[in-house]
Amino acid sequence: MDAKTVKAWLTDLFSDEEDPNEPAYDPVHVGGVVIISMAGIGGLYWLLWTLLVFEGGLFVKLSAAAQVLFTSKTLRDFGYVGSPYEMGVFEGWVGNLVALVLCGVVLAALYRIHREARP
């Protein structure tokens, strides 16, 4: 590339003239899309992290509860001593349960939007 081509490219890049064939993008709309996307991804990350990772996740608690219900194991075998103090593997069950309910609400809302959008 020679100097004239670079100068012409830079002049064209920073010129005020707009090509009528290009779509017009409003920077506020682009910024809004970026912010809303980041917030949505952050919310999804928090929701899935709380459901699957927080205090061992939901599957550890469901597995322990199934073993207590269907085998001869007791809550004490899983470290449960008392509700607010030592809950063993059941620590954080409220957060996991709230995340499960919110996942259900989000999935139901997305399904409803998808169903209404179909022709």
PDB file of N, CA and C in Angstrom:
ATOM      1  N   MET A   1       0.848  -1.185   0.000  1.00  0.00           N
ATOM      2  CA  MET A   1       0.000   0.000   0.000  1.00  0.00           C
ATOM      3  C   MET A   1       0.887   1.241   0.000  1.00  0.00           C
ATOM      4  N   ASP A   2       0.552   2.137  -0.838  1.00  0.00           N
ATOM      5  CA  ASP A   2       1.319   3.376  -0.856  1.00  0.00           C
ATOM      6  C   ASP A   2       0.610   4.435  -0.003  1.00  0.00           C
ATOM      7  N   ALA A   3       1.250   5.567   0.146  1.00  0.00           N
ATOM      8  CA  ALA A   3       0.750   6.616   1.035  1.00  0.00           C
ATOM      9  C   ALA A   3      -0.581   7.191   0.559  1.00  0.00           C
ATOM     10  N   LYS A   4      -0.760   7.277  -0.764  1.00  0.00           N
ATOM     11  CA  LYS A   4      -2.012   7.835  -1.288  1.00  0.00           C
ATOM     12  C   LYS A   4      -3.197   6.925  -0.957  1.00  0.00           C
ATOM     13  N   THR A   5      -2.997   5.626  -1.066  1.00  0.00           N
ATOM     14  CA  THR A   5      -4.100   4.694  -0.771  1.00  0.00           C
ATOM     15  C   THR A   5      -4.454   4.731   0.712  1.00  0.00           C
ATOM     16  N   VAL A   6      -3.434   4.782   1.562  1.00  0.00           N
ATOM     17  CA  VAL A   6      -3.689   4.845   3.005  1.00  0.00           C
ATOM     18  C   VAL A   6      -4.412   6.143   3.350  1.00  0.00           C
ATOM     19  N   LYS A   7      -3.957   7.253   2.753  1.00  0.00           N
ATOM     20  CA  LYS A   7      -4.597   8.540   3.025  1.00  0.00           C
ATOM     21  C   LYS A   7      -6.050   8.535   2.541  1.00  0.00           C
ATOM     22  N   ALA A   8      -6.298   7.969   1.366  1.00  0.00           N
ATOM     23  CA  ALA A   8      -7.665   7.903   0.843  1.00  0.00           C
ATOM     24  C   ALA A   8      -8.544   7.025   1.731  1.00  0.00           C
ATOM     25  N   TRP A   9      -7.979   5.933   2.213  1.00  0.00           N
ATOM     26  CA  TRP A   9      -8.748   5.032   3.088  1.00  0.00           C
ATOM     27  C   TRP A   9      -9.091   5.715   4.408  1.00  0.00           C
ATOM     28  N   LEU A  10      -8.113   6.399   5.012  1.00  0.00           N
ATOM     29  CA  LEU A  10      -8.362   7.102   6.274  1.00  0.00           C
ATOM     30  C   LEU A  10      -9.348   8.256   6.087  1.00  0.00           C
ATOM     31  N   THR A  11      -9.216   8.974   4.979  1.00  0.00           N
ATOM     32  CA  THR A  11     -10.149  10.067   4.703  1.00  0.00           C
ATOM     33  C   THR A  11     -11.563   9.531   4.536  1.00  0.00           C
ATOM     34  N   ASP A  12     -11.683   8.417   3.829  1.00  0.00           N
ATOM     35  CA  ASP A  12     -13.005   7.808   3.639  1.00  0.00           C
ATOM     36  C   ASP A  12     -13.562   7.276   4.957  1.00  0.00           C
ATOM     37  N   LEU A  13     -12.675   6.755   5.801  1.00  0.00           N
ATOM     38  CA  LEU A  13     -13.113   6.189   7.084  1.00  0.00           C
ATOM     39  C   LEU A  13     -13.691   7.262   8.004  1.00  0.00           C
ATOM     40  N   PHE A  14     -13.052   8.421   8.039  1.00  0.00           N
ATOM     41  CA  PHE A  14     -13.473   9.469   8.964  1.00  0.00           C
ATOM     42  C   PHE A  14     -14.298  10.574   8.302  1.00  0.00           C
ATOM     43  N   SER A  15     -14.764  10.362   7.101  1.00  0.00           N
ATOM     44  CA  SER A  15     -15.559  11.397   6.436  1.00  0.00           C
ATOM     45  C   SER A  15     -16.989  11.392   6.977  1.00  0.00           C
ATOM     46  N   ASP A  16     -17.663  12.515   6.809  1.00  0.00           N
ATOM     47  CA  ASP A  16     -19.042  12.643   7.271  1.00  0.00           C
ATOM     48  C   ASP A  16     -20.046  12.130   6.252  1.00  0.00           C
ATOM     49  N   GLU A  17     -19.597  11.866   5.059  1.00  0.00           N
ATOM     50  CA  GLU A  17     -20.499  11.394   4.020  1.00  0.00           C
ATOM     51  C   GLU A  17     -20.861   9.936   4.276  1.00  0.00           C
ATOM     52  N   GLU A  18     -22.135   9.647   4.175  1.00  0.00           N
ATOM     53  CA  GLU A  18     -22.589   8.281   4.407  1.00  0.00           C
ATOM     54  C   GLU A  18     -23.012   7.655   3.095  1.00  0.00           C
ATOM     55  N   ASP A  19     -22.700   6.382   2.965  1.00  0.00           N
ATOM     56  CA  ASP A  19     -23.095   5.643   1.774  1.00  0.00           C
ATOM     57  C   ASP A  19     -24.580   5.305   1.899  1.00  0.00           C
ATOM     58  N   PRO A  20     -25.407   5.664   0.914  1.00  0.00           N
ATOM     59  CA  PRO A  20     -26.847   5.383   1.024  1.00  0.00           C
ATOM     60  C   PRO A  20     -27.171   3.889   0.962  1.00  0.00           C
ATOM     61  N   ASN A  21     -26.230   3.074   0.507  1.00  0.00           N
ATOM     62  CA  ASN A  21     -26.476   1.631   0.425  1.00  0.00           C
ATOM     63  C   ASN A  21     -26.237   0.910   1.749  1.00  0.00           C
ATOM     64  N   GLU A  22     -25.574   1.569   2.690  1.00  0.00           N
ATOM     65  CA  GLU A  22     -25.299   0.940   3.978  1.00  0.00           C
ATOM     66  C   GLU A  22     -26.440   1.213   4.947  1.00  0.00           C
ATOM     67  N   PRO A  23     -26.761   0.246   5.799  1.00  0.00           N
ATOM     68  CA  PRO A  23     -27.805   0.490   6.802  1.00  0.00           C
ATOM     69  C   PRO A  23     -27.311   1.484   7.850  1.00  0.00           C
ATOM     70  N   ALA A  24     -28.235   2.239   8.399  1.00  0.00           N
ATOM     71  CA  ALA A  24     -27.883   3.231   9.416  1.00  0.00           C
ATOM     72  C   ALA A  24     -27.967   2.588  10.793  1.00  0.00           C
ATOM     73  N   TYR A  25     -26.889   2.676  11.542  1.00  0.00           N
ATOM     74  CA  TYR A  25     -26.851   2.144  12.900  1.00  0.00           C
ATOM     75  C   TYR A  25     -26.796   3.306  13.877  1.00  0.00           C
ATOM     76  N   ASP A  26     -27.688   3.284  14.819  1.00  0.00           N
ATOM     77  CA  ASP A  26     -27.673   4.290  15.864  1.00  0.00           C
ATOM     78  C   ASP A  26     -26.763   3.777  16.974  1.00  0.00           C
ATOM     79  N   PRO A  27     -25.742   4.524  17.354  1.00  0.00           N
ATOM     80  CA  PRO A  27     -24.830   4.045  18.396  1.00  0.00           C
ATOM     81  C   PRO A  27     -25.527   3.759  19.729  1.00  0.00           C
ATOM     82  N   VAL A  28     -26.604   4.474  20.005  1.00  0.00           N
ATOM     83  CA  VAL A  28     -27.329   4.227  21.253  1.00  0.00           C
ATOM     84  C   VAL A  28     -27.985   2.849  21.220  1.00  0.00           C
ATOM     85  N   HIS A  29     -28.544   2.476  20.072  1.00  0.00           N
ATOM     86  CA  HIS A  29     -29.161   1.154  19.957  1.00  0.00           C
ATOM     87  C   HIS A  29     -28.119   0.052  20.060  1.00  0.00           C
ATOM     88  N   VAL A  30     -26.975   0.243  19.414  1.00  0.00           N
ATOM     89  CA  VAL A  30     -25.908  -0.756  19.488  1.00  0.00           C
ATOM     90  C   VAL A  30     -25.422  -0.888  20.933  1.00  0.00           C
ATOM     91  N   GLY A  31     -25.236   0.241  21.605  1.00  0.00           N
ATOM     92  CA  GLY A  31     -24.822   0.202  23.009  1.00  0.00           C
ATOM     93  C   GLY A  31     -25.862  -0.464  23.888  1.00  0.00           C
ATOM     94  N   GLY A  32     -27.135  -0.190  23.618  1.00  0.00           N
ATOM     95  CA  GLY A  32     -28.210  -0.833  24.383  1.00  0.00           C
ATOM     96  C   GLY A  32     -28.228  -2.332  24.188  1.00  0.00           C
ATOM     97  N   VAL A  33     -28.017  -2.775  22.953  1.00  0.00           N
ATOM     98  CA  VAL A  33     -27.976  -4.216  22.680  1.00  0.00           C
ATOM     99  C   VAL A  33     -26.812  -4.864  23.419  1.00  0.00           C
ATOM    100  N   VAL A  34     -25.664  -4.199  23.425  1.00  0.00           N
ATOM    101  CA  VAL A  34     -24.497  -4.749  24.123  1.00  0.00           C
ATOM    102  C   VAL A  34     -24.770  -4.850  25.620  1.00  0.00           C
ATOM    103  N   ILE A  35     -25.308  -3.799  26.218  1.00  0.00           N
ATOM    104  CA  ILE A  35     -25.571  -3.796  27.661  1.00  0.00           C
ATOM    105  C   ILE A  35     -26.626  -4.837  28.025  1.00  0.00           C
ATOM    106  N   ILE A  36     -27.708  -4.904  27.255  1.00  0.00           N
ATOM    107  CA  ILE A  36     -28.766  -5.875  27.550  1.00  0.00           C
ATOM    108  C   ILE A  36     -28.260  -7.300  27.368  1.00  0.00           C
ATOM    109  N   SER A  37     -27.436  -7.522  26.346  1.00  0.00           N
ATOM    110  CA  SER A  37     -26.870  -8.861  26.143  1.00  0.00           C
ATOM    111  C   SER A  37     -25.964  -9.253  27.302  1.00  0.00           C
ATOM    112  N   MET A  38     -25.142  -8.319  27.751  1.00  0.00           N
ATOM    113  CA  MET A  38     -24.249  -8.622  28.879  1.00  0.00           C
ATOM    114  C   MET A  38     -25.048  -8.903  30.145  1.00  0.00           C
ATOM    115  N   ALA A  39     -26.106  -8.148  30.371  1.00  0.00           N
ATOM    116  CA  ALA A  39     -26.941  -8.378  31.552  1.00  0.00           C
ATOM    117  C   ALA A  39     -27.643  -9.729  31.454  1.00  0.00           C
ATOM    118  N   GLY A  40     -28.138 -10.074  30.275  1.00  0.00           N
ATOM    119  CA  GLY A  40     -28.792 -11.373  30.089  1.00  0.00           C
ATOM    120  C   GLY A  40     -27.834 -12.532  30.291  1.00  0.00           C
ATOM    121  N   ILE A  41     -26.635 -12.420  29.747  1.00  0.00           N
ATOM    122  CA  ILE A  41     -25.639 -13.479  29.911  1.00  0.00           C
ATOM    123  C   ILE A  41     -25.220 -13.579  31.372  1.00  0.00           C
ATOM    124  N   GLY A  42     -25.070 -12.440  32.044  1.00  0.00           N
ATOM    125  CA  GLY A  42     -24.726 -12.462  33.470  1.00  0.00           C
ATOM    126  C   GLY A  42     -25.815 -13.105  34.307  1.00  0.00           C
ATOM    127  N   GLY A  43     -27.073 -12.787  33.991  1.00  0.00           N
ATOM    128  CA  GLY A  43     -28.189 -13.411  34.710  1.00  0.00           C
ATOM    129  C   GLY A  43     -28.253 -14.907  34.481  1.00  0.00           C
ATOM    130  N   LEU A  44     -28.033 -15.328  33.236  1.00  0.00           N
ATOM    131  CA  LEU A  44     -28.024 -16.756  32.930  1.00  0.00           C
ATOM    132  C   LEU A  44     -26.877 -17.460  33.651  1.00  0.00           C
ATOM    133  N   TYR A  45     -25.707 -16.827  33.681  1.00  0.00           N
ATOM    134  CA  TYR A  45     -24.560 -17.405  34.383  1.00  0.00           C
ATOM    135  C   TYR A  45     -24.877 -17.560  35.873  1.00  0.00           C
ATOM    136  N   TRP A  46     -25.424 -16.515  36.495  1.00  0.00           N
ATOM    137  CA  TRP A  46     -25.748 -16.589  37.918  1.00  0.00           C
ATOM    138  C   TRP A  46     -26.759 -17.698  38.176  1.00  0.00           C
ATOM    139  N   LEU A  47     -27.774 -17.772  37.331  1.00  0.00           N
ATOM    140  CA  LEU A  47     -28.829 -18.760  37.515  1.00  0.00           C
ATOM    141  C   LEU A  47     -28.285 -20.182  37.425  1.00  0.00           C
ATOM    142  N   LEU A  48     -27.522 -20.456  36.390  1.00  0.00           N
ATOM    143  CA  LEU A  48     -26.982 -21.805  36.225  1.00  0.00           C
ATOM    144  C   LEU A  48     -25.930 -22.119  37.282  1.00  0.00           C
ATOM    145  N   TRP A  49     -25.112 -21.135  37.669  1.00  0.00           N
ATOM    146  CA  TRP A  49     -24.114 -21.369  38.705  1.00  0.00           C
ATOM    147  C   TRP A  49     -24.799 -21.689  40.032  1.00  0.00           C
ATOM    148  N   THR A  50     -25.833 -20.940  40.365  1.00  0.00           N
ATOM    149  CA  THR A  50     -26.540 -21.191  41.615  1.00  0.00           C
ATOM    150  C   THR A  50     -27.219 -22.554  41.596  1.00  0.00           C
ATOM    151  N   LEU A  51     -27.749 -22.938  40.467  1.00  0.00           N
ATOM    152  CA  LEU A  51     -28.434 -24.222  40.352  1.00  0.00           C
ATOM    153  C   LEU A  51     -27.460 -25.391  40.405  1.00  0.00           C
ATOM    154  N   LEU A  52     -26.351 -25.300  39.711  1.00  0.00           N
ATOM    155  CA  LEU A  52     -25.485 -26.464  39.519  1.00  0.00           C
ATOM    156  C   LEU A  52     -24.219 -26.482  40.369  1.00  0.00           C
ATOM    157  N   VAL A  53     -23.769 -25.331  40.891  1.00  0.00           N
ATOM    158  CA  VAL A  53     -22.480 -25.285  41.577  1.00  0.00           C
ATOM    159  C   VAL A  53     -22.590 -24.847  43.035  1.00  0.00           C
ATOM    160  N   PHE A  54     -23.450 -23.906  43.349  1.00  0.00           N
ATOM    161  CA  PHE A  54     -23.528 -23.309  44.683  1.00  0.00           C
ATOM    162  C   PHE A  54     -23.714 -24.375  45.756  1.00  0.00           C
ATOM    163  N   GLU A  55     -22.796 -24.412  46.727  1.00  0.00           N
ATOM    164  CA  GLU A  55     -22.839 -25.351  47.861  1.00  0.00           C
ATOM    165  C   GLU A  55     -23.007 -26.808  47.416  1.00  0.00           C
ATOM    166  N   GLY A  56     -22.361 -27.176  46.324  1.00  0.00           N
ATOM    167  CA  GLY A  56     -22.414 -28.556  45.862  1.00  0.00           C
ATOM    168  C   GLY A  56     -23.400 -28.792  44.743  1.00  0.00           C
ATOM    169  N   GLY A  57     -24.306 -27.891  44.528  1.00  0.00           N
ATOM    170  CA  GLY A  57     -25.258 -28.034  43.436  1.00  0.00           C
ATOM    171  C   GLY A  57     -26.484 -28.844  43.805  1.00  0.00           C
ATOM    172  N   LEU A  58     -27.439 -28.820  42.919  1.00  0.00           N
ATOM    173  CA  LEU A  58     -28.725 -29.470  43.146  1.00  0.00           C
ATOM    174  C   LEU A  58     -28.626 -30.989  43.074  1.00  0.00           C
ATOM    175  N   PHE A  59     -27.800 -31.514  42.167  1.00  0.00           N
ATOM    176  CA  PHE A  59     -27.760 -32.956  41.960  1.00  0.00           C
ATOM    177  C   PHE A  59     -27.194 -33.700  43.169  1.00  0.00           C
ATOM    178  N   VAL A  60     -26.246 -33.092  43.881  1.00  0.00           N
ATOM    179  CA  VAL A  60     -25.708 -33.711  45.100  1.00  0.00           C
ATOM    180  C   VAL A  60     -26.804 -33.818  46.149  1.00  0.00           C
ATOM    181  N   LYS A  61     -27.594 -32.774  46.273  1.00  0.00           N
ATOM    182  CA  LYS A  61     -28.669 -32.770  47.267  1.00  0.00           C
ATOM    183  C   LYS A  61     -29.778 -33.753  46.891  1.00  0.00           C
ATOM    184  N   LEU A  62     -30.110 -33.823  45.606  1.00  0.00           N
ATOM    185  CA  LEU A  62     -31.132 -34.778  45.170  1.00  0.00           C
ATOM    186  C   LEU A  62     -30.664 -36.215  45.357  1.00  0.00           C
ATOM    187  N   SER A  63     -29.395 -36.467  45.083  1.00  0.00           N
ATOM    188  CA  SER A  63     -28.842 -37.807  45.275  1.00  0.00           C
ATOM    189  C   SER A  63     -28.875 -38.199  46.750  1.00  0.00           C
ATOM    190  N   ALA A  64     -28.470 -37.280  47.620  1.00  0.00           N
ATOM    191  CA  ALA A  64     -28.492 -37.563  49.058  1.00  0.00           C
ATOM    192  C   ALA A  64     -29.921 -37.755  49.552  1.00  0.00           C
ATOM    193  N   ALA A  65     -30.848 -36.934  49.085  1.00  0.00           N
ATOM    194  CA  ALA A  65     -32.248 -37.073  49.502  1.00  0.00           C
ATOM    195  C   ALA A  65     -32.823 -38.402  49.031  1.00  0.00           C
ATOM    196  N   ALA A  66     -32.480 -38.823  47.816  1.00  0.00           N
ATOM    197  CA  ALA A  66     -32.959 -40.119  47.316  1.00  0.00           C
ATOM    198  C   ALA A  66     -32.389 -41.265  48.136  1.00  0.00           C
ATOM    199  N   GLN A  67     -31.133 -41.165  48.536  1.00  0.00           N
ATOM    200  CA  GLN A  67     -30.534 -42.217  49.360  1.00  0.00           C
ATOM    201  C   GLN A  67     -31.172 -42.269  50.739  1.00  0.00           C
ATOM    202  N   VAL A  68     -31.525 -41.110  51.280  1.00  0.00           N
ATOM    203  CA  VAL A  68     -32.199 -41.089  52.586  1.00  0.00           C
ATOM    204  C   VAL A  68     -33.589 -41.700  52.462  1.00  0.00           C
ATOM    205  N   LEU A  69     -34.296 -41.386  51.385  1.00  0.00           N
ATOM    206  CA  LEU A  69     -35.663 -41.880  51.218  1.00  0.00           C
ATOM    207  C   LEU A  69     -35.723 -43.363  50.873  1.00  0.00           C
ATOM    208  N   PHE A  70     -34.820 -43.845  50.038  1.00  0.00           N
ATOM    209  CA  PHE A  70     -34.959 -45.196  49.498  1.00  0.00           C
ATOM    210  C   PHE A  70     -33.952 -46.216  50.025  1.00  0.00           C
ATOM    211  N   THR A  71     -33.022 -45.801  50.875  1.00  0.00           N
ATOM    212  CA  THR A  71     -32.074 -46.751  51.474  1.00  0.00           C
ATOM    213  C   THR A  71     -32.113 -46.580  52.981  1.00  0.00           C
ATOM    214  N   SER A  72     -31.230 -47.277  53.653  1.00  0.00           N
ATOM    215  CA  SER A  72     -31.215 -47.206  55.118  1.00  0.00           C
ATOM    216  C   SER A  72     -30.342 -46.072  55.637  1.00  0.00           C
ATOM    217  N   LYS A  73     -29.846 -45.206  54.772  1.00  0.00           N
ATOM    218  CA  LYS A  73     -29.020 -44.082  55.216  1.00  0.00           C
ATOM    219  C   LYS A  73     -29.892 -43.039  55.909  1.00  0.00           C
ATOM    220  N   THR A  74     -29.269 -42.301  56.794  1.00  0.00           N
ATOM    221  CA  THR A  74     -29.979 -41.243  57.518  1.00  0.00           C
ATOM    222  C   THR A  74     -29.385 -39.887  57.144  1.00  0.00           C
ATOM    223  N   LEU A  75     -30.050 -38.836  57.594  1.00  0.00           N
ATOM    224  CA  LEU A  75     -29.542 -37.491  57.337  1.00  0.00           C
ATOM    225  C   LEU A  75     -28.178 -37.280  57.988  1.00  0.00           C
ATOM    226  N   ARG A  76     -27.963 -37.910  59.136  1.00  0.00           N
ATOM    227  CA  ARG A  76     -26.689 -37.775  59.841  1.00  0.00           C
ATOM    228  C   ARG A  76     -25.533 -38.353  59.017  1.00  0.00           C
ATOM    229  N   ASP A  77     -25.817 -39.352  58.185  1.00  0.00           N
ATOM    230  CA  ASP A  77     -24.770 -39.916  57.324  1.00  0.00           C
ATOM    231  C   ASP A  77     -24.262 -38.896  56.310  1.00  0.00           C
ATOM    232  N   PHE A  78     -25.071 -37.916  56.006  1.00  0.00           N
ATOM    233  CA  PHE A  78     -24.686 -36.879  55.052  1.00  0.00           C
ATOM    234  C   PHE A  78     -24.289 -35.579  55.740  1.00  0.00           C
ATOM    235  N   GLY A  79     -24.033 -35.632  57.037  1.00  0.00           N
ATOM    236  CA  GLY A  79     -23.524 -34.479  57.763  1.00  0.00           C
ATOM    237  C   GLY A  79     -24.572 -33.564  58.347  1.00  0.00           C
ATOM    238  N   TYR A  80     -25.852 -33.948  58.289  1.00  0.00           N
ATOM    239  CA  TYR A  80     -26.921 -33.096  58.806  1.00  0.00           C
ATOM    240  C   TYR A  80     -26.996 -33.239  60.316  1.00  0.00           C
ATOM    241  N   VAL A  81     -26.868 -32.108  61.037  1.00  0.00           N
ATOM    242  CA  VAL A  81     -26.983 -32.113  62.495  1.00  0.00           C
ATOM    243  C   VAL A  81     -28.217 -31.334  62.919  1.00  0.00           C
ATOM    244  N   GLY A  82     -28.406 -30.158  62.370  1.00  0.00           N
ATOM    245  CA  GLY A  82     -29.552 -29.318  62.703  1.00  0.00           C
ATOM    246  C   GLY A  82     -29.719 -28.251  61.645  1.00  0.00           C
ATOM    247  N   SER A  83     -30.927 -27.772  61.495  1.00  0.00           N
ATOM    248  CA  SER A  83     -31.254 -26.910  60.363  1.00  0.00           C
ATOM    249  C   SER A  83     -30.369 -25.681  60.201  1.00  0.00           C
ATOM    250  N   PRO A  84     -30.306 -24.752  61.151  1.00  0.00           N
ATOM    251  CA  PRO A  84     -29.518 -23.564  60.810  1.00  0.00           C
ATOM    252  C   PRO A  84     -28.017 -23.738  61.011  1.00  0.00           C
ATOM    253  N   TYR A  85     -27.585 -24.822  61.647  1.00  0.00           N
ATOM    254  CA  TYR A  85     -26.178 -24.913  62.044  1.00  0.00           C
ATOM    255  C   TYR A  85     -25.349 -25.788  61.112  1.00  0.00           C
ATOM    256  N   GLU A  86     -25.542 -27.076  61.152  1.00  0.00           N
ATOM    257  CA  GLU A  86     -24.775 -28.007  60.326  1.00  0.00           C
ATOM    258  C   GLU A  86     -25.737 -28.786  59.455  1.00  0.00           C
ATOM    259  N   MET A  87     -25.766 -28.471  58.177  1.00  0.00           N
ATOM    260  CA  MET A  87     -26.696 -29.146  57.281  1.00  0.00           C
ATOM    261  C   MET A  87     -26.003 -30.146  56.365  1.00  0.00           C
ATOM    262  N   GLY A  88     -24.700 -30.262  56.452  1.00  0.00           N
ATOM    263  CA  GLY A  88     -23.970 -31.224  55.637  1.00  0.00           C
ATOM    264  C   GLY A  88     -24.103 -30.917  54.158  1.00  0.00           C
ATOM    265  N   VAL A  89     -24.433 -31.951  53.367  1.00  0.00           N
ATOM    266  CA  VAL A  89     -24.551 -31.745  51.919  1.00  0.00           C
ATOM    267  C   VAL A  89     -25.785 -30.927  51.564  1.00  0.00           C
ATOM    268  N   PHE A  90     -26.689 -30.750  52.512  1.00  0.00           N
ATOM    269  CA  PHE A  90     -27.911 -29.989  52.235  1.00  0.00           C
ATOM    270  C   PHE A  90     -27.718 -28.488  52.438  1.00  0.00           C
ATOM    271  N   GLU A  91     -26.494 -28.057  52.716  1.00  0.00           N
ATOM    272  CA  GLU A  91     -26.145 -26.650  52.852  1.00  0.00           C
ATOM    273  C   GLU A  91     -26.469 -25.933  51.534  1.00  0.00           C
ATOM    274  N   GLY A  92     -27.190 -24.842  51.576  1.00  0.00           N
ATOM    275  CA  GLY A  92     -27.491 -24.050  50.385  1.00  0.00           C
ATOM    276  C   GLY A  92     -28.667 -24.552  49.564  1.00  0.00           C
ATOM    277  N   TRP A  93     -29.501 -25.390  50.143  1.00  0.00           N
ATOM    278  CA  TRP A  93     -30.616 -25.952  49.378  1.00  0.00           C
ATOM    279  C   TRP A  93     -31.628 -24.893  48.970  1.00  0.00           C
ATOM    280  N   VAL A  94     -31.756 -23.839  49.779  1.00  0.00           N
ATOM    281  CA  VAL A  94     -32.717 -22.778  49.442  1.00  0.00           C
ATOM    282  C   VAL A  94     -32.286 -22.057  48.160  1.00  0.00           C
ATOM    283  N   GLY A  95     -30.997 -21.740  48.064  1.00  0.00           N
ATOM    284  CA  GLY A  95     -30.494 -21.087  46.853  1.00  0.00           C
ATOM    285  C   GLY A  95     -30.670 -21.957  45.627  1.00  0.00           C
ATOM    286  N   ASN A  96     -30.381 -23.260  45.769  1.00  0.00           N
ATOM    287  CA  ASN A  96     -30.564 -24.181  44.648  1.00  0.00           C
ATOM    288  C   ASN A  96     -32.029 -24.283  44.249  1.00  0.00           C
ATOM    289  N   LEU A  97     -32.909 -24.306  45.232  1.00  0.00           N
ATOM    290  CA  LEU A  97     -34.338 -24.421  44.949  1.00  0.00           C
ATOM    291  C   LEU A  97     -34.875 -23.160  44.270  1.00  0.00           C
ATOM    292  N   VAL A  98     -34.442 -21.998  44.737  1.00  0.00           N
ATOM    293  CA  VAL A  98     -34.863 -20.739  44.112  1.00  0.00           C
ATOM    294  C   VAL A  98     -34.361 -20.681  42.667  1.00  0.00           C
ATOM    295  N   ALA A  99     -33.120 -21.113  42.445  1.00  0.00           N
ATOM    296  CA  ALA A  99     -32.586 -21.125  41.081  1.00  0.00           C
ATOM    297  C   ALA A  99     -33.355 -22.098  40.202  1.00  0.00           C
ATOM    298  N   LEU A 100     -33.777 -23.231  40.759  1.00  0.00           N
ATOM    299  CA  LEU A 100     -34.565 -24.192  39.988  1.00  0.00           C
ATOM    300  C   LEU A 100     -35.915 -23.591  39.589  1.00  0.00           C
ATOM    301  N   VAL A 101     -36.550 -22.903  40.519  1.00  0.00           N
ATOM    302  CA  VAL A 101     -37.838 -22.259  40.224  1.00  0.00           C
ATOM    303  C   VAL A 101     -37.657 -21.165  39.167  1.00  0.00           C
ATOM    304  N   LEU A 102     -36.611 -20.348  39.318  1.00  0.00           N
ATOM    305  CA  LEU A 102     -36.362 -19.293  38.332  1.00  0.00           C
ATOM    306  C   LEU A 102     -36.026 -19.873  36.962  1.00  0.00           C
ATOM    307  N   CYS A 103     -35.297 -20.990  36.922  1.00  0.00           N
ATOM    308  CA  CYS A 103     -35.023 -21.653  35.636  1.00  0.00           C
ATOM    309  C   CYS A 103     -36.327 -22.097  34.992  1.00  0.00           C
ATOM    310  N   GLY A 104     -37.233 -22.635  35.792  1.00  0.00           N
ATOM    311  CA  GLY A 104     -38.532 -23.042  35.262  1.00  0.00           C
ATOM    312  C   GLY A 104     -39.320 -21.869  34.724  1.00  0.00           C
ATOM    313  N   VAL A 105     -39.288 -20.745  35.436  1.00  0.00           N
ATOM    314  CA  VAL A 105     -40.002 -19.547  34.985  1.00  0.00           C
ATOM    315  C   VAL A 105     -39.399 -19.025  33.678  1.00  0.00           C
ATOM    316  N   VAL A 106     -38.071 -18.979  33.612  1.00  0.00           N
ATOM    317  CA  VAL A 106     -37.403 -18.501  32.395  1.00  0.00           C
ATOM    318  C   VAL A 106     -37.706 -19.426  31.222  1.00  0.00           C
ATOM    319  N   LEU A 107     -37.644 -20.737  31.441  1.00  0.00           N
ATOM    320  CA  LEU A 107     -37.949 -21.683  30.365  1.00  0.00           C
ATOM    321  C   LEU A 107     -39.398 -21.561  29.903  1.00  0.00           C
ATOM    322  N   ALA A 108     -40.320 -21.399  30.848  1.00  0.00           N
ATOM    323  CA  ALA A 108     -41.730 -21.244  30.476  1.00  0.00           C
ATOM    324  C   ALA A 108     -41.940 -19.960  29.673  1.00  0.00           C
ATOM    325  N   ALA A 109     -41.280 -18.878  30.081  1.00  0.00           N
ATOM    326  CA  ALA A 109     -41.408 -17.614  29.345  1.00  0.00           C
ATOM    327  C   ALA A 109     -40.818 -17.733  27.943  1.00  0.00           C
ATOM    328  N   LEU A 110     -39.654 -18.374  27.833  1.00  0.00           N
ATOM    329  CA  LEU A 110     -39.053 -18.556  26.511  1.00  0.00           C
ATOM    330  C   LEU A 110     -39.907 -19.453  25.632  1.00  0.00           C
ATOM    331  N   TYR A 111     -40.506 -20.489  26.211  1.00  0.00           N
ATOM    332  CA  TYR A 111     -41.380 -21.374  25.438  1.00  0.00           C
ATOM    333  C   TYR A 111     -42.616 -20.618  24.954  1.00  0.00           C
ATOM    334  N   ARG A 112     -43.160 -19.776  25.812  1.00  0.00           N
ATOM    335  CA  ARG A 112     -44.339 -18.996  25.422  1.00  0.00           C
ATOM    336  C   ARG A 112     -44.002 -18.025  24.294  1.00  0.00           C
ATOM    337  N   ILE A 113     -42.852 -17.360  24.399  1.00  0.00           N
ATOM    338  CA  ILE A 113     -42.427 -16.442  23.342  1.00  0.00           C
ATOM    339  C   ILE A 113     -42.215 -17.206  22.037  1.00  0.00           C
ATOM    340  N   HIS A 114     -41.594 -18.380  22.132  1.00  0.00           N
ATOM    341  CA  HIS A 114     -41.348 -19.194  20.936  1.00  0.00           C
ATOM    342  C   HIS A 114     -42.660 -19.657  20.305  1.00  0.00           C
ATOM    343  N   ARG A 115     -43.601 -20.078  21.135  1.00  0.00           N
ATOM    344  CA  ARG A 115     -44.888 -20.559  20.626  1.00  0.00           C
ATOM    345  C   ARG A 115     -45.668 -19.439  19.945  1.00  0.00           C
ATOM    346  N   GLU A 116     -45.618 -18.232  20.504  1.00  0.00           N
ATOM    347  CA  GLU A 116     -46.331 -17.099  19.909  1.00  0.00           C
ATOM    348  C   GLU A 116     -45.657 -16.603  18.635  1.00  0.00           C
ATOM    349  N   ALA A 117     -44.360 -16.830  18.498  1.00  0.00           N
ATOM    350  CA  ALA A 117     -43.635 -16.337  17.327  1.00  0.00           C
ATOM    351  C   ALA A 117     -43.798 -17.252  16.124  1.00  0.00           C
ATOM    352  N   ARG A 118     -44.184 -18.491  16.356  1.00  0.00           N
ATOM    353  CA  ARG A 118     -44.349 -19.420  15.230  1.00  0.00           C
ATOM    354  C   ARG A 118     -45.573 -19.036  14.413  1.00  0.00           C
ATOM    355  N   PRO A 119     -45.474 -19.164  13.090  1.00  0.00           N
ATOM    356  CA  PRO A 119     -46.638 -18.809  12.258  1.00  0.00           C
ATOM    357  C   PRO A 119     -47.731 -19.850  12.329  1.00  0.00           C
TER     358      PRO A 119
END
